[in-house]
Amino acid sequence: MSSPVRKFPLLVSTALLSAVAGPGLAGDLSVSVDLPRLNTAAYHRPYVAIWIEQPDQTAVRTLAVWYQVAAGRGGEGEGKDWLKDMRTWWRKDGRALTLPADGVSGATRAPGTQTVRIPAARLSTLPAGQYNVVVEAAREQGGRELVRVPFRWGGNAGRTSATGSAELGTVSVAVTR
Protein backbone atom coordinates (compact mmCIF):
# COMPACT_ATOMS: atom_id res chain seq x y z
CA MET A 1 0.00 0.00 0.00
CA SER A 2 1.40 3.37 -0.90
CA SER A 3 1.86 6.09 1.66
CA PRO A 4 -0.03 9.41 1.32
CA VAL A 5 3.26 11.17 2.07
CA ARG A 6 4.75 9.83 -1.15
CA LYS A 7 1.84 11.05 -3.27
CA PHE A 8 1.95 14.60 -1.89
CA PRO A 9 5.17 15.67 -3.67
CA LEU A 10 3.77 14.34 -6.95
CA LEU A 11 0.54 16.32 -6.50
CA VAL A 12 2.44 19.48 -5.58
CA SER A 13 4.79 19.05 -8.54
CA THR A 14 1.89 18.59 -10.94
CA ALA A 15 0.07 21.63 -9.56
CA LEU A 16 3.20 23.79 -9.78
CA LEU A 17 3.91 22.65 -13.32
CA SER A 18 0.35 23.52 -14.38
CA ALA A 19 0.51 26.94 -12.72
CA VAL A 20 3.91 27.83 -14.15
CA ALA A 21 3.51 26.34 -17.62
CA GLY A 22 -0.18 27.24 -18.24
CA PRO A 23 -0.17 29.75 -21.12
CA GLY A 24 3.48 28.96 -21.80
CA LEU A 25 2.36 25.63 -23.24
CA ALA A 26 1.09 27.66 -26.19
CA GLY A 27 4.63 27.77 -27.51
CA ASP A 28 6.63 30.51 -29.12
CA LEU A 29 5.36 33.63 -30.84
CA SER A 30 6.84 34.57 -34.19
CA VAL A 31 6.18 37.90 -35.92
CA SER A 32 7.27 38.41 -39.55
CA VAL A 33 7.25 41.94 -40.92
CA ASP A 34 7.69 42.77 -44.59
CA LEU A 35 9.47 46.12 -44.97
CA PRO A 36 8.95 47.18 -48.59
CA ARG A 37 11.68 48.95 -50.53
CA LEU A 38 10.07 52.23 -51.47
CA ASN A 39 11.13 53.94 -54.67
CA THR A 40 12.01 57.39 -53.36
CA ALA A 41 14.86 59.81 -53.95
CA ALA A 42 16.13 59.57 -50.37
CA TYR A 43 15.25 56.24 -48.79
CA HIS A 44 15.58 55.97 -45.01
CA ARG A 45 15.01 52.74 -43.11
CA PRO A 46 11.88 52.97 -40.97
CA TYR A 47 11.75 53.01 -37.22
CA VAL A 48 9.54 50.09 -36.18
CA ALA A 49 7.80 49.19 -32.91
CA ILE A 50 6.16 45.81 -32.33
CA TRP A 51 3.96 45.21 -29.30
CA ILE A 52 1.11 43.11 -27.92
CA GLU A 53 -2.15 44.73 -26.93
CA GLN A 54 -5.49 43.54 -25.60
CA PRO A 55 -8.59 43.74 -27.84
CA ASP A 56 -9.50 47.06 -26.16
CA GLN A 57 -6.11 48.37 -27.43
CA THR A 58 -4.46 48.50 -24.00
CA ALA A 59 -0.73 47.85 -24.42
CA VAL A 60 0.51 44.66 -22.76
CA ARG A 61 4.19 44.40 -23.73
CA THR A 62 6.67 45.83 -26.23
CA LEU A 63 8.35 43.03 -28.18
CA ALA A 64 10.77 44.98 -30.38
CA VAL A 65 11.83 48.52 -31.24
CA TRP A 66 14.11 49.12 -34.21
CA TYR A 67 15.73 52.55 -34.41
CA GLN A 68 19.09 54.24 -34.95
CA VAL A 69 20.91 53.02 -31.85
CA ALA A 70 24.36 54.55 -32.49
CA ALA A 71 25.84 57.70 -33.97
CA GLY A 72 25.55 57.60 -37.72
CA ARG A 73 27.29 59.20 -40.64
CA GLY A 74 27.95 62.90 -40.36
CA GLY A 75 27.98 62.79 -36.56
CA GLU A 76 24.22 62.50 -36.18
CA GLY A 77 23.33 61.20 -32.73
CA GLU A 78 21.26 58.33 -31.53
CA GLY A 79 17.71 58.14 -32.83
CA LYS A 80 15.92 58.10 -29.47
CA ASP A 81 14.64 61.62 -30.13
CA TRP A 82 12.65 60.37 -33.12
CA LEU A 83 10.96 57.40 -31.43
CA LYS A 84 7.96 59.62 -30.68
CA ASP A 85 7.25 59.64 -34.45
CA MET A 86 5.77 56.20 -33.84
CA ARG A 87 2.93 58.03 -32.12
CA THR A 88 0.63 55.18 -31.14
CA TRP A 89 3.37 53.05 -29.60
CA TRP A 90 4.96 56.10 -27.95
CA ARG A 91 1.73 57.06 -26.19
CA LYS A 92 0.88 53.50 -25.10
CA ASP A 93 4.24 52.16 -23.93
CA GLY A 94 7.24 53.88 -25.53
CA ARG A 95 7.71 56.89 -23.30
CA ALA A 96 7.72 54.63 -20.21
CA LEU A 97 10.32 52.24 -21.66
CA THR A 98 13.99 52.76 -20.85
CA LEU A 99 16.01 52.26 -24.02
CA PRO A 100 18.12 50.53 -25.03
CA ALA A 101 16.26 47.55 -23.58
CA ASP A 102 17.99 44.17 -23.66
CA GLY A 103 16.20 41.77 -25.98
CA VAL A 104 13.81 44.49 -27.22
CA SER A 105 15.69 47.30 -28.96
CA GLY A 106 17.88 47.02 -31.99
CA ALA A 107 19.05 48.76 -35.13
CA THR A 108 16.74 49.60 -38.02
CA ARG A 109 16.28 46.79 -40.52
CA ALA A 110 16.80 46.62 -44.27
CA PRO A 111 13.90 46.15 -46.69
CA GLY A 112 12.67 42.58 -46.88
CA THR A 113 11.03 40.17 -44.48
CA GLN A 114 12.27 40.51 -40.92
CA THR A 115 11.28 38.00 -38.23
CA VAL A 116 11.14 38.36 -34.46
CA ARG A 117 10.82 35.16 -32.41
CA ILE A 118 9.63 35.49 -28.85
CA PRO A 119 10.22 32.35 -26.76
CA ALA A 120 7.32 31.15 -24.62
CA ALA A 121 9.39 31.79 -21.48
CA ARG A 122 9.36 35.53 -22.23
CA LEU A 123 5.55 35.43 -22.42
CA SER A 124 4.99 33.10 -19.47
CA THR A 125 2.99 35.74 -17.55
CA LEU A 126 0.66 36.44 -20.48
CA PRO A 127 -2.75 34.94 -19.63
CA ALA A 128 -4.46 32.83 -22.27
CA GLY A 129 -6.80 34.87 -24.44
CA GLN A 130 -7.30 36.99 -27.52
CA TYR A 131 -4.69 39.68 -28.33
CA ASN A 132 -3.33 41.78 -31.19
CA VAL A 133 0.24 42.13 -32.34
CA VAL A 134 0.65 45.71 -33.48
CA VAL A 135 3.42 46.89 -35.80
CA GLU A 136 3.98 50.59 -36.34
CA ALA A 137 6.51 52.04 -38.77
CA ALA A 138 7.61 55.66 -39.26
CA ARG A 139 10.18 56.81 -41.76
CA GLU A 140 12.11 60.07 -42.11
CA GLN A 141 10.79 61.96 -45.13
CA GLY A 142 8.18 59.26 -45.42
CA GLY A 143 4.95 58.13 -43.90
CA ARG A 144 3.71 56.37 -40.81
CA GLU A 145 1.63 53.21 -40.76
CA LEU A 146 0.16 50.84 -38.20
CA VAL A 147 -1.02 47.24 -38.74
CA ARG A 148 -2.92 45.13 -36.17
CA VAL A 149 -2.93 41.33 -36.39
CA PRO A 150 -5.23 39.39 -34.04
CA PHE A 151 -4.01 36.15 -32.48
CA ARG A 152 -4.98 33.73 -29.72
CA TRP A 153 -2.47 32.94 -26.97
CA GLY A 154 -2.75 29.77 -24.92
CA GLY A 155 -4.80 27.79 -27.41
CA ASN A 156 -3.91 25.82 -30.48
CA ALA A 157 -1.07 26.78 -32.76
CA GLY A 158 -2.11 29.13 -35.52
CA ARG A 159 -1.10 31.78 -38.04
CA THR A 160 -2.78 35.08 -38.92
CA SER A 161 -1.73 38.03 -41.03
CA ALA A 162 -2.67 41.51 -42.22
CA THR A 163 -1.20 43.77 -44.87
CA GLY A 164 -0.21 47.41 -44.78
CA SER A 165 -0.57 49.80 -47.67
CA ALA A 166 2.67 51.80 -47.85
CA GLU A 167 5.30 51.67 -45.09
CA LEU A 168 4.51 48.05 -44.16
CA GLY A 169 3.83 44.98 -46.27
CA THR A 170 2.45 41.75 -44.86
CA VAL A 171 2.67 41.24 -41.10
CA SER A 172 2.28 37.59 -40.02
CA VAL A 173 1.88 36.25 -36.50
CA ALA A 174 2.42 32.56 -35.74
CA VAL A 175 1.92 30.78 -32.43
CA THR A 176 3.71 27.44 -32.40
CA ARG A 177 3.45 24.54 -29.99
C-alpha atoms as a PDB file:
ATOM      1  CA  MET A   1       0.000   0.000   0.000  1.00  0.00           C
ATOM      2  CA  SER A   2       1.404   3.369  -0.904  1.00  0.00           C
ATOM      3  CA  SER A   3       1.859   6.086   1.661  1.00  0.00           C
ATOM      4  CA  PRO A   4      -0.031   9.407   1.316  1.00  0.00           C
ATOM      5  CA  VAL A   5       3.260  11.168   2.069  1.00  0.00           C
ATOM      6  CA  ARG A   6       4.750   9.827  -1.153  1.00  0.00           C
ATOM      7  CA  LYS A   7       1.838  11.049  -3.265  1.00  0.00           C
ATOM      8  CA  PHE A   8       1.951  14.597  -1.886  1.00  0.00           C
ATOM      9  CA  PRO A   9       5.167  15.665  -3.672  1.00  0.00           C
ATOM     10  CA  LEU A  10       3.769  14.340  -6.952  1.00  0.00           C
ATOM     11  CA  LEU A  11       0.540  16.318  -6.505  1.00  0.00           C
ATOM     12  CA  VAL A  12       2.443  19.484  -5.581  1.00  0.00           C
ATOM     13  CA  SER A  13       4.795  19.049  -8.538  1.00  0.00           C
ATOM     14  CA  THR A  14       1.886  18.594 -10.944  1.00  0.00           C
ATOM     15  CA  ALA A  15       0.066  21.633  -9.559  1.00  0.00           C
ATOM     16  CA  LEU A  16       3.202  23.787  -9.777  1.00  0.00           C
ATOM     17  CA  LEU A  17       3.907  22.647 -13.322  1.00  0.00           C
ATOM     18  CA  SER A  18       0.351  23.521 -14.377  1.00  0.00           C
ATOM     19  CA  ALA A  19       0.514  26.942 -12.720  1.00  0.00           C
ATOM     20  CA  VAL A  20       3.907  27.834 -14.149  1.00  0.00           C
ATOM     21  CA  ALA A  21       3.505  26.342 -17.621  1.00  0.00           C
ATOM     22  CA  GLY A  22      -0.179  27.235 -18.240  1.00  0.00           C
ATOM     23  CA  PRO A  23      -0.171  29.754 -21.123  1.00  0.00           C
ATOM     24  CA  GLY A  24       3.478  28.961 -21.802  1.00  0.00           C
ATOM     25  CA  LEU A  25       2.358  25.629 -23.236  1.00  0.00           C
ATOM     26  CA  ALA A  26       1.092  27.663 -26.194  1.00  0.00           C
ATOM     27  CA  GLY A  27       4.632  27.767 -27.511  1.00  0.00           C
ATOM     28  CA  ASP A  28       6.631  30.510 -29.118  1.00  0.00           C
ATOM     29  CA  LEU A  29       5.362  33.634 -30.837  1.00  0.00           C
ATOM     30  CA  SER A  30       6.842  34.573 -34.190  1.00  0.00           C
ATOM     31  CA  VAL A  31       6.184  37.902 -35.921  1.00  0.00           C
ATOM     32  CA  SER A  32       7.271  38.412 -39.548  1.00  0.00           C
ATOM     33  CA  VAL A  33       7.249  41.943 -40.923  1.00  0.00           C
ATOM     34  CA  ASP A  34       7.691  42.774 -44.593  1.00  0.00           C
ATOM     35  CA  LEU A  35       9.467  46.116 -44.972  1.00  0.00           C
ATOM     36  CA  PRO A  36       8.946  47.177 -48.588  1.00  0.00           C
ATOM     37  CA  ARG A  37      11.678  48.949 -50.526  1.00  0.00           C
ATOM     38  CA  LEU A  38      10.073  52.233 -51.472  1.00  0.00           C
ATOM     39  CA  ASN A  39      11.131  53.935 -54.673  1.00  0.00           C
ATOM     40  CA  THR A  40      12.014  57.391 -53.360  1.00  0.00           C
ATOM     41  CA  ALA A  41      14.863  59.812 -53.951  1.00  0.00           C
ATOM     42  CA  ALA A  42      16.133  59.575 -50.366  1.00  0.00           C
ATOM     43  CA  TYR A  43      15.247  56.243 -48.788  1.00  0.00           C
ATOM     44  CA  HIS A  44      15.582  55.966 -45.012  1.00  0.00           C
ATOM     45  CA  ARG A  45      15.014  52.744 -43.110  1.00  0.00           C
ATOM     46  CA  PRO A  46      11.884  52.971 -40.973  1.00  0.00           C
ATOM     47  CA  TYR A  47      11.754  53.006 -37.216  1.00  0.00           C
ATOM     48  CA  VAL A  48       9.538  50.093 -36.176  1.00  0.00           C
ATOM     49  CA  ALA A  49       7.802  49.185 -32.911  1.00  0.00           C
ATOM     50  CA  ILE A  50       6.157  45.806 -32.334  1.00  0.00           C
ATOM     51  CA  TRP A  51       3.960  45.211 -29.304  1.00  0.00           C
ATOM     52  CA  ILE A  52       1.115  43.114 -27.922  1.00  0.00           C
ATOM     53  CA  GLU A  53      -2.152  44.734 -26.932  1.00  0.00           C
ATOM     54  CA  GLN A  54      -5.489  43.538 -25.603  1.00  0.00           C
ATOM     55  CA  PRO A  55      -8.589  43.735 -27.844  1.00  0.00           C
ATOM     56  CA  ASP A  56      -9.498  47.062 -26.159  1.00  0.00           C
ATOM     57  CA  GLN A  57      -6.109  48.372 -27.426  1.00  0.00           C
ATOM     58  CA  THR A  58      -4.465  48.498 -23.996  1.00  0.00           C
ATOM     59  CA  ALA A  59      -0.731  47.850 -24.416  1.00  0.00           C
ATOM     60  CA  VAL A  60       0.515  44.662 -22.761  1.00  0.00           C
ATOM     61  CA  ARG A  61       4.189  44.401 -23.730  1.00  0.00           C
ATOM     62  CA  THR A  62       6.674  45.831 -26.230  1.00  0.00           C
ATOM     63  CA  LEU A  63       8.350  43.029 -28.176  1.00  0.00           C
ATOM     64  CA  ALA A  64      10.768  44.981 -30.384  1.00  0.00           C
ATOM     65  CA  VAL A  65      11.830  48.524 -31.241  1.00  0.00           C
ATOM     66  CA  TRP A  66      14.109  49.123 -34.215  1.00  0.00           C
ATOM     67  CA  TYR A  67      15.735  52.550 -34.410  1.00  0.00           C
ATOM     68  CA  GLN A  68      19.091  54.236 -34.946  1.00  0.00           C
ATOM     69  CA  VAL A  69      20.915  53.019 -31.854  1.00  0.00           C
ATOM     70  CA  ALA A  70      24.361  54.546 -32.485  1.00  0.00           C
ATOM     71  CA  ALA A  71      25.842  57.701 -33.966  1.00  0.00           C
ATOM     72  CA  GLY A  72      25.555  57.603 -37.723  1.00  0.00           C
ATOM     73  CA  ARG A  73      27.291  59.202 -40.643  1.00  0.00           C
ATOM     74  CA  GLY A  74      27.953  62.895 -40.356  1.00  0.00           C
ATOM     75  CA  GLY A  75      27.984  62.791 -36.560  1.00  0.00           C
ATOM     76  CA  GLU A  76      24.220  62.501 -36.184  1.00  0.00           C
ATOM     77  CA  GLY A  77      23.332  61.203 -32.734  1.00  0.00           C
ATOM     78  CA  GLU A  78      21.261  58.334 -31.533  1.00  0.00           C
ATOM     79  CA  GLY A  79      17.714  58.144 -32.830  1.00  0.00           C
ATOM     80  CA  LYS A  80      15.918  58.097 -29.474  1.00  0.00           C
ATOM     81  CA  ASP A  81      14.638  61.619 -30.126  1.00  0.00           C
ATOM     82  CA  TRP A  82      12.648  60.369 -33.118  1.00  0.00           C
ATOM     83  CA  LEU A  83      10.964  57.403 -31.431  1.00  0.00           C
ATOM     84  CA  LYS A  84       7.964  59.620 -30.680  1.00  0.00           C
ATOM     85  CA  ASP A  85       7.248  59.643 -34.451  1.00  0.00           C
ATOM     86  CA  MET A  86       5.773  56.198 -33.838  1.00  0.00           C
ATOM     87  CA  ARG A  87       2.928  58.030 -32.119  1.00  0.00           C
ATOM     88  CA  THR A  88       0.631  55.184 -31.141  1.00  0.00           C
ATOM     89  CA  TRP A  89       3.373  53.054 -29.600  1.00  0.00           C
ATOM     90  CA  TRP A  90       4.957  56.102 -27.955  1.00  0.00           C
ATOM     91  CA  ARG A  91       1.730  57.061 -26.185  1.00  0.00           C
ATOM     92  CA  LYS A  92       0.875  53.502 -25.104  1.00  0.00           C
ATOM     93  CA  ASP A  93       4.244  52.163 -23.933  1.00  0.00           C
ATOM     94  CA  GLY A  94       7.235  53.881 -25.530  1.00  0.00           C
ATOM     95  CA  ARG A  95       7.707  56.893 -23.299  1.00  0.00           C
ATOM     96  CA  ALA A  96       7.719  54.632 -20.207  1.00  0.00           C
ATOM     97  CA  LEU A  97      10.318  52.239 -21.662  1.00  0.00           C
ATOM     98  CA  THR A  98      13.993  52.762 -20.848  1.00  0.00           C
ATOM     99  CA  LEU A  99      16.009  52.257 -24.021  1.00  0.00           C
ATOM    100  CA  PRO A 100      18.117  50.530 -25.025  1.00  0.00           C
ATOM    101  CA  ALA A 101      16.264  47.552 -23.577  1.00  0.00           C
ATOM    102  CA  ASP A 102      17.986  44.173 -23.657  1.00  0.00           C
ATOM    103  CA  GLY A 103      16.195  41.773 -25.978  1.00  0.00           C
ATOM    104  CA  VAL A 104      13.815  44.493 -27.220  1.00  0.00           C
ATOM    105  CA  SER A 105      15.694  47.300 -28.955  1.00  0.00           C
ATOM    106  CA  GLY A 106      17.885  47.018 -31.990  1.00  0.00           C
ATOM    107  CA  ALA A 107      19.045  48.761 -35.127  1.00  0.00           C
ATOM    108  CA  THR A 108      16.743  49.598 -38.025  1.00  0.00           C
ATOM    109  CA  ARG A 109      16.280  46.787 -40.519  1.00  0.00           C
ATOM    110  CA  ALA A 110      16.798  46.621 -44.267  1.00  0.00           C
ATOM    111  CA  PRO A 111      13.898  46.147 -46.695  1.00  0.00           C
ATOM    112  CA  GLY A 112      12.668  42.580 -46.884  1.00  0.00           C
ATOM    113  CA  THR A 113      11.033  40.174 -44.484  1.00  0.00           C
ATOM    114  CA  GLN A 114      12.267  40.508 -40.924  1.00  0.00           C
ATOM    115  CA  THR A 115      11.276  38.000 -38.232  1.00  0.00           C
ATOM    116  CA  VAL A 116      11.136  38.359 -34.462  1.00  0.00           C
ATOM    117  CA  ARG A 117      10.821  35.162 -32.415  1.00  0.00           C
ATOM    118  CA  ILE A 118       9.627  35.489 -28.855  1.00  0.00           C
ATOM    119  CA  PRO A 119      10.220  32.347 -26.760  1.00  0.00           C
ATOM    120  CA  ALA A 120       7.323  31.154 -24.622  1.00  0.00           C
ATOM    121  CA  ALA A 121       9.393  31.794 -21.481  1.00  0.00           C
ATOM    122  CA  ARG A 122       9.363  35.527 -22.230  1.00  0.00           C
ATOM    123  CA  LEU A 123       5.547  35.429 -22.425  1.00  0.00           C
ATOM    124  CA  SER A 124       4.990  33.105 -19.469  1.00  0.00           C
ATOM    125  CA  THR A 125       2.987  35.741 -17.549  1.00  0.00           C
ATOM    126  CA  LEU A 126       0.661  36.437 -20.481  1.00  0.00           C
ATOM    127  CA  PRO A 127      -2.753  34.940 -19.628  1.00  0.00           C
ATOM    128  CA  ALA A 128      -4.465  32.832 -22.272  1.00  0.00           C
ATOM    129  CA  GLY A 129      -6.804  34.869 -24.436  1.00  0.00           C
ATOM    130  CA  GLN A 130      -7.303  36.989 -27.522  1.00  0.00           C
ATOM    131  CA  TYR A 131      -4.691  39.680 -28.334  1.00  0.00           C
ATOM    132  CA  ASN A 132      -3.334  41.780 -31.186  1.00  0.00           C
ATOM    133  CA  VAL A 133       0.238  42.130 -32.341  1.00  0.00           C
ATOM    134  CA  VAL A 134       0.650  45.715 -33.481  1.00  0.00           C
ATOM    135  CA  VAL A 135       3.417  46.886 -35.802  1.00  0.00           C
ATOM    136  CA  GLU A 136       3.980  50.589 -36.345  1.00  0.00           C
ATOM    137  CA  ALA A 137       6.509  52.038 -38.765  1.00  0.00           C
ATOM    138  CA  ALA A 138       7.607  55.655 -39.260  1.00  0.00           C
ATOM    139  CA  ARG A 139      10.183  56.811 -41.758  1.00  0.00           C
ATOM    140  CA  GLU A 140      12.106  60.069 -42.105  1.00  0.00           C
ATOM    141  CA  GLN A 141      10.785  61.964 -45.132  1.00  0.00           C
ATOM    142  CA  GLY A 142       8.178  59.259 -45.419  1.00  0.00           C
ATOM    143  CA  GLY A 143       4.953  58.127 -43.897  1.00  0.00           C
ATOM    144  CA  ARG A 144       3.710  56.372 -40.814  1.00  0.00           C
ATOM    145  CA  GLU A 145       1.629  53.206 -40.760  1.00  0.00           C
ATOM    146  CA  LEU A 146       0.157  50.839 -38.200  1.00  0.00           C
ATOM    147  CA  VAL A 147      -1.020  47.237 -38.740  1.00  0.00           C
ATOM    148  CA  ARG A 148      -2.919  45.127 -36.172  1.00  0.00           C
ATOM    149  CA  VAL A 149      -2.926  41.331 -36.390  1.00  0.00           C
ATOM    150  CA  PRO A 150      -5.231  39.391 -34.043  1.00  0.00           C
ATOM    151  CA  PHE A 151      -4.011  36.147 -32.475  1.00  0.00           C
ATOM    152  CA  ARG A 152      -4.977  33.733 -29.724  1.00  0.00           C
ATOM    153  CA  TRP A 153      -2.472  32.942 -26.971  1.00  0.00           C
ATOM    154  CA  GLY A 154      -2.753  29.765 -24.922  1.00  0.00           C
ATOM    155  CA  GLY A 155      -4.796  27.793 -27.415  1.00  0.00           C
ATOM    156  CA  ASN A 156      -3.913  25.819 -30.484  1.00  0.00           C
ATOM    157  CA  ALA A 157      -1.070  26.779 -32.764  1.00  0.00           C
ATOM    158  CA  GLY A 158      -2.110  29.131 -35.518  1.00  0.00           C
ATOM    159  CA  ARG A 159      -1.096  31.780 -38.038  1.00  0.00           C
ATOM    160  CA  THR A 160      -2.784  35.078 -38.924  1.00  0.00           C
ATOM    161  CA  SER A 161      -1.732  38.032 -41.029  1.00  0.00           C
ATOM    162  CA  ALA A 162      -2.671  41.507 -42.220  1.00  0.00           C
ATOM    163  CA  THR A 163      -1.196  43.769 -44.868  1.00  0.00           C
ATOM    164  CA  GLY A 164      -0.209  47.412 -44.777  1.00  0.00           C
ATOM    165  CA  SER A 165      -0.569  49.804 -47.669  1.00  0.00           C
ATOM    166  CA  ALA A 166       2.675  51.804 -47.847  1.00  0.00           C
ATOM    167  CA  GLU A 167       5.303  51.669 -45.088  1.00  0.00           C
ATOM    168  CA  LEU A 168       4.508  48.053 -44.159  1.00  0.00           C
ATOM    169  CA  GLY A 169       3.831  44.985 -46.269  1.00  0.00           C
ATOM    170  CA  THR A 170       2.447  41.752 -44.859  1.00  0.00           C
ATOM    171  CA  VAL A 171       2.674  41.235 -41.096  1.00  0.00           C
ATOM    172  CA  SER A 172       2.282  37.585 -40.025  1.00  0.00           C
ATOM    173  CA  VAL A 173       1.884  36.248 -36.496  1.00  0.00           C
ATOM    174  CA  ALA A 174       2.421  32.560 -35.737  1.00  0.00           C
ATOM    175  CA  VAL A 175       1.916  30.783 -32.429  1.00  0.00           C
ATOM    176  CA  THR A 176       3.709  27.443 -32.402  1.00  0.00           C
ATOM    177  CA  ARG A 177       3.450  24.543 -29.987  1.00  0.00           C
END
